[in-house]
Amino acid sequence: MKSLQYTELRRGDIVNARGQIGVVYDVLKSADTDTVFILMAFVHNIGNSRQYDILEFTPQRARVYGADMWEYATVEQLEAALSNRRRALDKALGEVLAVANQTEAIIA
């Protein structure tokens, strides 16, 4: 698999960021500095109030994100991560419903 360079990321790229699968939504490159901003949708953020991360990259900050260990991911890896996230959300929703049903039973 091709090695990943954050400066080459494009909209739609699927990334394995040290175990977290994400999809690049946009890449903004400064015209005046070596700064690159990447808008990422990580699977683990689906269902949270903040669905996207805006990551600020410079050659120095890339190490903070561990970008040197990021890899391109496959559609299959994305689908597996989405399936796992869906199961986690379904479980959480079921727990909320179970509590609501218990409360309703007590009131009735």
C-alpha atoms as a PDB file:
ATOM      1  CA  MET A   1       0.000   0.000   0.000  1.00  0.00           C
ATOM      2  CA  LYS A   2       1.247   3.483  -0.886  1.00  0.00           C
ATOM      3  CA  SER A   3       2.827   5.361   2.016  1.00  0.00           C
ATOM      4  CA  LEU A   4       0.871   8.334   3.221  1.00  0.00           C
ATOM      5  CA  GLN A   5       2.117  11.911   3.151  1.00  0.00           C
ATOM      6  CA  TYR A   6      -0.304  14.350   4.777  1.00  0.00           C
ATOM      7  CA  THR A   7       0.636  16.953   2.150  1.00  0.00           C
ATOM      8  CA  GLU A   8      -0.753  14.663  -0.566  1.00  0.00           C
ATOM      9  CA  LEU A   9      -4.129  13.926   1.042  1.00  0.00           C
ATOM     10  CA  ARG A  10      -7.202  14.712  -1.050  1.00  0.00           C
ATOM     11  CA  ARG A  11     -10.951  14.829  -0.448  1.00  0.00           C
ATOM     12  CA  GLY A  12     -12.295  11.292  -0.184  1.00  0.00           C
ATOM     13  CA  ASP A  13      -9.050   9.655   0.940  1.00  0.00           C
ATOM     14  CA  ILE A  14      -9.548   7.034   3.637  1.00  0.00           C
ATOM     15  CA  VAL A  15      -6.939   7.145   6.378  1.00  0.00           C
ATOM     16  CA  ASN A  16      -5.912   4.835   9.197  1.00  0.00           C
ATOM     17  CA  ALA A  17      -4.644   7.351  11.735  1.00  0.00           C
ATOM     18  CA  ARG A  18      -2.979   5.045  14.251  1.00  0.00           C
ATOM     19  CA  GLY A  19      -6.037   2.811  14.537  1.00  0.00           C
ATOM     20  CA  GLN A  20      -8.706   5.448  13.928  1.00  0.00           C
ATOM     21  CA  ILE A  21     -10.296   5.323  10.494  1.00  0.00           C
ATOM     22  CA  GLY A  22     -11.227   8.659   8.959  1.00  0.00           C
ATOM     23  CA  VAL A  23     -12.234  10.190   5.662  1.00  0.00           C
ATOM     24  CA  VAL A  24     -10.749  13.424   4.359  1.00  0.00           C
ATOM     25  CA  TYR A  25     -13.494  15.962   3.730  1.00  0.00           C
ATOM     26  CA  ASP A  26     -11.283  18.819   2.637  1.00  0.00           C
ATOM     27  CA  VAL A  27      -7.675  19.991   2.518  1.00  0.00           C
ATOM     28  CA  LEU A  28      -6.739  23.648   2.847  1.00  0.00           C
ATOM     29  CA  LYS A  29      -3.178  24.700   2.062  1.00  0.00           C
ATOM     30  CA  SER A  30      -1.834  28.080   3.076  1.00  0.00           C
ATOM     31  CA  ALA A  31      -0.526  30.164   0.207  1.00  0.00           C
ATOM     32  CA  ASP A  32       1.970  31.866   2.518  1.00  0.00           C
ATOM     33  CA  THR A  33       3.223  29.192   4.925  1.00  0.00           C
ATOM     34  CA  ASP A  34       3.820  25.444   4.989  1.00  0.00           C
ATOM     35  CA  THR A  35       0.623  24.939   7.013  1.00  0.00           C
ATOM     36  CA  VAL A  36      -1.985  22.438   5.808  1.00  0.00           C
ATOM     37  CA  PHE A  37      -5.424  22.137   7.436  1.00  0.00           C
ATOM     38  CA  ILE A  38      -7.224  18.846   6.975  1.00  0.00           C
ATOM     39  CA  LEU A  39     -10.930  18.448   7.729  1.00  0.00           C
ATOM     40  CA  MET A  40     -11.354  14.805   8.766  1.00  0.00           C
ATOM     41  CA  ALA A  41     -14.446  12.809   9.624  1.00  0.00           C
ATOM     42  CA  PHE A  42     -13.300  10.059  11.967  1.00  0.00           C
ATOM     43  CA  VAL A  43     -15.631   7.093  12.366  1.00  0.00           C
ATOM     44  CA  HIS A  44     -15.374   7.255  16.158  1.00  0.00           C
ATOM     45  CA  ASN A  45     -16.906  10.765  16.066  1.00  0.00           C
ATOM     46  CA  ILE A  46     -20.074   9.706  14.218  1.00  0.00           C
ATOM     47  CA  GLY A  47     -23.007  10.495  16.485  1.00  0.00           C
ATOM     48  CA  ASN A  48     -21.038  13.006  18.549  1.00  0.00           C
ATOM     49  CA  SER A  49     -21.748  16.727  18.540  1.00  0.00           C
ATOM     50  CA  ARG A  50     -18.391  17.277  16.816  1.00  0.00           C
ATOM     51  CA  GLN A  51     -18.402  15.052  13.764  1.00  0.00           C
ATOM     52  CA  TYR A  52     -15.277  16.532  12.195  1.00  0.00           C
ATOM     53  CA  ASP A  53     -11.757  17.374  13.276  1.00  0.00           C
ATOM     54  CA  ILE A  54      -9.757  20.189  11.746  1.00  0.00           C
ATOM     55  CA  LEU A  55      -6.129  19.157  11.987  1.00  0.00           C
ATOM     56  CA  GLU A  56      -3.417  21.768  11.570  1.00  0.00           C
ATOM     57  CA  PHE A  57      -0.273  20.327  10.034  1.00  0.00           C
ATOM     58  CA  THR A  58       3.176  21.788   9.731  1.00  0.00           C
ATOM     59  CA  PRO A  59       6.293  19.663   9.386  1.00  0.00           C
ATOM     60  CA  GLN A  60       6.821  20.073  13.139  1.00  0.00           C
ATOM     61  CA  ARG A  61       3.188  19.450  14.186  1.00  0.00           C
ATOM     62  CA  ALA A  62       2.851  16.354  12.005  1.00  0.00           C
ATOM     63  CA  ARG A  63       4.727  14.432  14.701  1.00  0.00           C
ATOM     64  CA  VAL A  64       2.158  15.526  17.312  1.00  0.00           C
ATOM     65  CA  TYR A  65      -0.556  13.712  15.357  1.00  0.00           C
ATOM     66  CA  GLY A  66       1.723  10.782  14.647  1.00  0.00           C
ATOM     67  CA  ALA A  67       1.145  11.422  10.956  1.00  0.00           C
ATOM     68  CA  ASP A  68       4.348   9.590  10.149  1.00  0.00           C
ATOM     69  CA  MET A  69       2.500   6.423  11.230  1.00  0.00           C
ATOM     70  CA  TRP A  70      -0.710   7.117   9.298  1.00  0.00           C
ATOM     71  CA  GLU A  71      -1.570   4.843   6.399  1.00  0.00           C
ATOM     72  CA  TYR A  72      -4.076   4.863   3.616  1.00  0.00           C
ATOM     73  CA  ALA A  73      -6.989   2.597   4.465  1.00  0.00           C
ATOM     74  CA  THR A  74      -9.298   0.607   2.231  1.00  0.00           C
ATOM     75  CA  VAL A  75     -13.036   0.851   1.703  1.00  0.00           C
ATOM     76  CA  GLU A  76     -13.275  -2.521   3.454  1.00  0.00           C
ATOM     77  CA  GLN A  77     -11.514  -1.109   6.532  1.00  0.00           C
ATOM     78  CA  LEU A  78     -13.872   1.866   6.493  1.00  0.00           C
ATOM     79  CA  GLU A  79     -16.906  -0.404   6.202  1.00  0.00           C
ATOM     80  CA  ALA A  80     -15.684  -2.533   9.123  1.00  0.00           C
ATOM     81  CA  ALA A  81     -15.121   0.565  11.276  1.00  0.00           C
ATOM     82  CA  LEU A  82     -18.569   1.888  10.349  1.00  0.00           C
ATOM     83  CA  SER A  83     -20.131  -1.456  11.232  1.00  0.00           C
ATOM     84  CA  ASN A  84     -18.413  -1.429  14.633  1.00  0.00           C
ATOM     85  CA  ARG A  85     -19.556   2.153  15.252  1.00  0.00           C
ATOM     86  CA  ARG A  86     -23.122   1.255  14.245  1.00  0.00           C
ATOM     87  CA  ARG A  87     -23.125  -1.622  16.748  1.00  0.00           C
ATOM     88  CA  ALA A  88     -21.828   0.671  19.502  1.00  0.00           C
ATOM     89  CA  LEU A  89     -24.496   3.281  18.739  1.00  0.00           C
ATOM     90  CA  ASP A  90     -27.243   0.642  18.591  1.00  0.00           C
ATOM     91  CA  LYS A  91     -26.127  -0.666  21.987  1.00  0.00           C
ATOM     92  CA  ALA A  92     -26.123   2.815  23.513  1.00  0.00           C
ATOM     93  CA  LEU A  93     -29.552   3.584  22.061  1.00  0.00           C
ATOM     94  CA  GLY A  94     -30.867   0.274  23.386  1.00  0.00           C
ATOM     95  CA  GLU A  95     -29.583   1.099  26.866  1.00  0.00           C
ATOM     96  CA  VAL A  96     -31.403   4.438  26.823  1.00  0.00           C
ATOM     97  CA  LEU A  97     -34.601   2.738  25.687  1.00  0.00           C
ATOM     98  CA  ALA A  98     -34.252   0.085  28.403  1.00  0.00           C
ATOM     99  CA  VAL A  99     -33.970   2.746  31.106  1.00  0.00           C
ATOM    100  CA  ALA A 100     -36.981   4.577  29.692  1.00  0.00           C
ATOM    101  CA  ASN A 101     -38.990   1.348  29.643  1.00  0.00           C
ATOM    102  CA  GLN A 102     -38.055   0.632  33.266  1.00  0.00           C
ATOM    103  CA  THR A 103     -39.219   4.079  34.312  1.00  0.00           C
ATOM    104  CA  GLU A 104     -42.454   3.689  32.367  1.00  0.00           C
ATOM    105  CA  ALA A 105     -43.134   0.328  34.045  1.00  0.00           C
ATOM    106  CA  ILE A 106     -42.651   1.879  37.499  1.00  0.00           C
ATOM    107  CA  ILE A 107     -45.035   4.751  36.705  1.00  0.00           C
ATOM    108  CA  ALA A 108     -47.706   2.388  35.306  1.00  0.00           C
END
